[in-house]
Amino acid sequence: MNKTITNDFKDIITGRRSIREYDPSVKISKEEMTEILTEATLAPSSVNLQPWRFLVIDSEQGKETLKPLAKFNQRQVETSSAVIAVFVDMNSLAYIEDIYDTAVERGLMPAEVRDRQVPGIKGMLSAVPEQQMKEMNLIDAGLVSMQLMLAARAHGYDTNPIGGYEKDQIAEAYGMDKERYQPVMLISIGQAAEKGYQSVRLPIEEIAQWK
């Protein structure tokens, strides 16, 4: 298998391509996929709530379920090692005590800071309208999704972010609560069977300002 693992950040970001066809014989182990997802979740999130949730679709049955939901992305579904469905958990606030308690146990946060912040965050976010909470979660999910693609590249794999699928059906298709788990995107991942192509970017002079 021609897989190159790299820690060269410039190579990772300049070599990333959106790949639509993969070597179907290459399978990413659960152990390595866990490493990639762990690295992805080092991304920041609002008050460290980490609202992202991942559904790794890599079995034959799982992909058969996905095919009719991603009709315009059949090559990615069929040839990739996996398709990762990224969701946000609209109930992520329920995890705040676990997250902050663990930070204290590991010596990363003083107990008095936790005791002050947790009630404040719960009070603030409990009053936030659902749509505003969803928008906040989607920003965090975008951060983790990009980091996931870069982590995959560092492991020698390629990816393709997919927005064109039946978002209103995917949670229920896999037995998930569609009100709680809101879809963000699909990310196909595997060993590229094509080179992909470079795409242009707008010059910084046109998209950035200094004041």
Protein backbone atom coordinates (compact mmCIF):
# COMPACT_ATOMS: atom_id res chain seq x y z
CA MET A 1 0.00 0.00 0.00
CA ASN A 2 1.46 3.33 -1.08
CA LYS A 3 0.57 5.34 2.00
CA THR A 4 2.79 8.18 3.16
CA ILE A 5 2.56 9.41 6.74
CA THR A 6 3.81 12.96 7.17
CA ASN A 7 4.22 15.57 9.88
CA ASP A 8 5.06 18.30 7.33
CA PHE A 9 2.24 20.78 7.79
CA LYS A 10 2.92 22.64 4.56
CA ASP A 11 2.84 19.37 2.64
CA ILE A 12 -0.42 18.44 4.36
CA ILE A 13 -2.26 21.65 3.48
CA THR A 14 -0.85 22.08 -0.04
CA GLY A 15 -1.25 18.40 -0.92
CA ARG A 16 -4.86 18.07 0.16
CA ARG A 17 -7.27 17.38 -2.70
CA SER A 18 -10.96 16.54 -2.84
CA ILE A 19 -10.79 12.91 -3.99
CA ARG A 20 -13.83 11.17 -5.42
CA GLU A 21 -12.40 7.75 -6.26
CA TYR A 22 -10.45 5.53 -3.89
CA ASP A 23 -8.70 2.18 -3.88
CA PRO A 24 -11.52 -0.08 -2.61
CA SER A 25 -9.02 -2.70 -1.40
CA VAL A 26 -7.63 -0.30 1.24
CA LYS A 27 -9.44 -0.45 4.56
CA ILE A 28 -8.67 1.81 7.51
CA SER A 29 -8.63 -0.14 10.75
CA LYS A 30 -10.85 0.90 13.65
CA GLU A 31 -7.67 1.63 15.63
CA GLU A 32 -6.26 4.01 13.03
CA MET A 33 -9.63 5.64 12.42
CA THR A 34 -9.85 6.22 16.17
CA GLU A 35 -6.45 7.96 16.03
CA ILE A 36 -7.60 10.19 13.17
CA LEU A 37 -10.82 11.12 14.95
CA THR A 38 -8.94 11.75 18.20
CA GLU A 39 -6.60 14.15 16.41
CA ALA A 40 -9.57 15.84 14.75
CA THR A 41 -11.25 16.45 18.10
CA LEU A 42 -8.32 18.56 19.27
CA ALA A 43 -10.09 21.33 17.33
CA PRO A 44 -11.52 24.16 19.45
CA SER A 45 -15.20 24.50 20.30
CA SER A 46 -17.36 27.05 22.08
CA VAL A 47 -16.75 26.72 25.86
CA ASN A 48 -15.20 23.32 24.99
CA LEU A 49 -18.59 21.64 24.61
CA GLN A 50 -17.33 19.52 21.68
CA PRO A 51 -20.79 19.14 20.08
CA TRP A 52 -19.52 17.07 17.14
CA ARG A 53 -20.55 13.43 16.76
CA PHE A 54 -19.26 10.96 14.16
CA LEU A 55 -20.92 8.03 12.42
CA VAL A 56 -18.24 5.96 10.68
CA ILE A 57 -19.92 4.12 7.82
CA ASP A 58 -17.51 1.42 6.66
CA SER A 59 -19.47 -1.84 6.53
CA GLU A 60 -21.14 -3.19 3.42
CA GLN A 61 -24.54 -2.88 5.09
CA GLY A 62 -23.80 0.65 6.28
CA LYS A 63 -22.80 1.74 2.77
CA GLU A 64 -25.88 0.13 1.23
CA THR A 65 -27.99 2.21 3.60
CA LEU A 66 -26.09 5.33 2.55
CA LYS A 67 -26.23 4.85 -1.23
CA PRO A 68 -29.82 6.05 -1.77
CA LEU A 69 -29.16 8.99 0.57
CA ALA A 70 -26.10 10.15 -1.41
CA LYS A 71 -27.27 9.56 -4.96
CA PHE A 72 -24.84 11.99 -6.58
CA ASN A 73 -21.79 10.69 -4.70
CA GLN A 74 -21.86 6.98 -5.46
CA ARG A 75 -18.14 6.70 -6.35
CA GLN A 76 -17.12 8.01 -2.96
CA VAL A 77 -19.53 5.73 -1.12
CA GLU A 78 -18.57 2.60 -3.06
CA THR A 79 -14.77 2.98 -3.22
CA SER A 80 -13.84 4.77 0.01
CA SER A 81 -12.62 2.97 3.08
CA ALA A 82 -15.35 4.79 4.99
CA VAL A 83 -17.73 7.68 4.84
CA ILE A 84 -17.85 9.68 8.06
CA ALA A 85 -21.17 11.38 8.74
CA VAL A 86 -20.57 14.42 10.92
CA PHE A 87 -23.42 15.52 13.17
CA VAL A 88 -23.87 18.03 15.97
CA ASP A 89 -25.47 16.96 19.24
CA MET A 90 -28.10 19.49 20.23
CA ASN A 91 -27.89 18.06 23.75
CA SER A 92 -24.15 18.67 24.10
CA LEU A 93 -24.67 20.85 27.20
CA ALA A 94 -25.43 17.64 29.11
CA TYR A 95 -21.74 16.74 28.89
CA ILE A 96 -20.37 19.90 30.46
CA GLU A 97 -19.86 18.44 33.96
CA ASP A 98 -18.00 15.40 32.57
CA ILE A 99 -15.74 17.60 30.45
CA TYR A 100 -14.90 20.10 33.18
CA ASP A 101 -14.60 17.47 35.93
CA THR A 102 -12.09 15.55 33.80
CA ALA A 103 -10.11 18.74 33.23
CA VAL A 104 -9.89 19.22 37.00
CA GLU A 105 -8.94 15.56 37.61
CA ARG A 106 -6.10 15.86 35.08
CA GLY A 107 -4.79 19.04 36.65
CA LEU A 108 -5.68 21.15 33.62
CA MET A 109 -8.13 23.41 35.44
CA PRO A 110 -8.43 24.55 39.06
CA ALA A 111 -11.58 23.30 40.78
CA GLU A 112 -12.62 26.85 41.64
CA VAL A 113 -12.56 27.80 37.95
CA ARG A 114 -14.80 24.83 37.10
CA ASP A 115 -17.15 25.67 39.95
CA ARG A 116 -17.49 29.21 38.66
CA GLN A 117 -17.68 28.50 34.94
CA VAL A 118 -20.02 25.50 34.77
CA PRO A 119 -23.06 27.18 36.38
CA GLY A 120 -22.42 30.34 34.35
CA ILE A 121 -22.20 28.46 31.05
CA LYS A 122 -25.26 26.33 31.82
CA GLY A 123 -27.26 29.42 32.71
CA MET A 124 -26.17 31.30 29.61
CA LEU A 125 -26.66 28.49 27.09
CA SER A 126 -29.94 27.28 28.59
CA ALA A 127 -31.42 30.65 27.62
CA VAL A 128 -30.03 30.58 24.05
CA PRO A 129 -32.68 29.96 21.33
CA GLU A 130 -32.36 26.60 19.58
CA GLN A 131 -31.47 28.12 16.20
CA GLN A 132 -28.67 30.18 17.75
CA MET A 133 -27.35 27.08 19.53
CA LYS A 134 -27.43 25.16 16.26
CA GLU A 135 -25.49 27.91 14.48
CA MET A 136 -22.85 27.86 17.22
CA ASN A 137 -22.60 24.07 16.98
CA LEU A 138 -22.28 24.16 13.20
CA ILE A 139 -19.31 26.51 13.43
CA ASP A 140 -17.62 24.08 15.82
CA ALA A 141 -18.47 21.16 13.53
CA GLY A 142 -16.86 22.99 10.61
CA LEU A 143 -13.66 23.35 12.62
CA VAL A 144 -13.52 19.65 13.54
CA SER A 145 -14.37 18.59 9.98
CA MET A 146 -11.47 20.53 8.50
CA GLN A 147 -9.14 19.20 11.15
CA LEU A 148 -10.37 15.67 10.41
CA MET A 149 -9.45 16.07 6.74
CA LEU A 150 -5.99 17.37 7.62
CA ALA A 151 -5.45 14.55 10.15
CA ALA A 152 -6.45 12.04 7.46
CA ARG A 153 -3.93 13.60 5.09
CA ALA A 154 -1.21 13.31 7.73
CA HIS A 155 -2.01 9.59 7.96
CA GLY A 156 -1.61 9.25 4.19
CA TYR A 157 -5.29 9.21 3.27
CA ASP A 158 -7.41 11.55 1.20
CA THR A 159 -10.91 12.87 1.72
CA ASN A 160 -13.85 14.60 0.11
CA PRO A 161 -16.34 16.76 2.02
CA ILE A 162 -19.88 16.14 0.77
CA GLY A 163 -22.85 18.40 1.33
CA GLY A 164 -25.20 16.91 -1.26
CA TYR A 165 -27.13 14.16 0.50
CA GLU A 166 -30.50 13.57 2.16
CA LYS A 167 -29.84 15.38 5.40
CA ASP A 168 -33.42 15.06 6.56
CA GLN A 169 -33.22 11.26 6.41
CA ILE A 170 -29.72 10.23 7.43
CA ALA A 171 -30.07 10.23 11.21
CA GLU A 172 -33.18 8.06 11.22
CA ALA A 173 -31.70 5.74 8.59
CA TYR A 174 -29.07 4.76 11.16
CA GLY A 175 -31.36 4.68 14.18
CA MET A 176 -30.40 8.11 15.52
CA ASP A 177 -32.69 10.76 16.98
CA LYS A 178 -32.96 13.29 14.15
CA GLU A 179 -34.04 16.10 16.46
CA ARG A 180 -31.03 15.65 18.70
CA TYR A 181 -28.44 14.82 16.02
CA GLN A 182 -28.33 17.44 13.29
CA PRO A 183 -26.36 16.58 10.11
CA VAL A 184 -23.40 18.68 9.03
CA MET A 185 -21.61 16.89 6.17
CA LEU A 186 -20.29 13.59 4.92
CA ILE A 187 -16.54 13.05 4.58
CA SER A 188 -15.33 10.18 2.42
CA ILE A 189 -11.90 8.86 3.36
CA GLY A 190 -9.50 6.35 1.86
CA GLN A 191 -6.46 5.81 -0.34
CA ALA A 192 -6.76 7.95 -3.46
CA ALA A 193 -7.09 6.14 -6.78
CA GLU A 194 -6.84 9.42 -8.68
CA LYS A 195 -4.56 12.42 -8.39
CA GLY A 196 -7.27 14.97 -7.92
CA TYR A 197 -6.69 18.45 -9.22
CA GLN A 198 -5.47 21.72 -7.88
CA SER A 199 -7.97 24.54 -7.70
CA VAL A 200 -7.35 28.26 -7.62
CA ARG A 201 -7.92 30.52 -4.66
CA LEU A 202 -8.83 34.19 -4.68
CA PRO A 203 -5.82 36.40 -3.98
CA ILE A 204 -5.51 37.62 -0.41
CA GLU A 205 -5.53 41.21 -1.70
CA GLU A 206 -9.16 40.70 -2.70
CA ILE A 207 -10.44 38.92 0.39
CA ALA A 208 -8.53 40.47 3.30
CA GLN A 209 -8.35 43.96 4.72
CA TRP A 210 -5.98 45.64 7.12
CA LYS A 211 -7.18 48.64 9.11
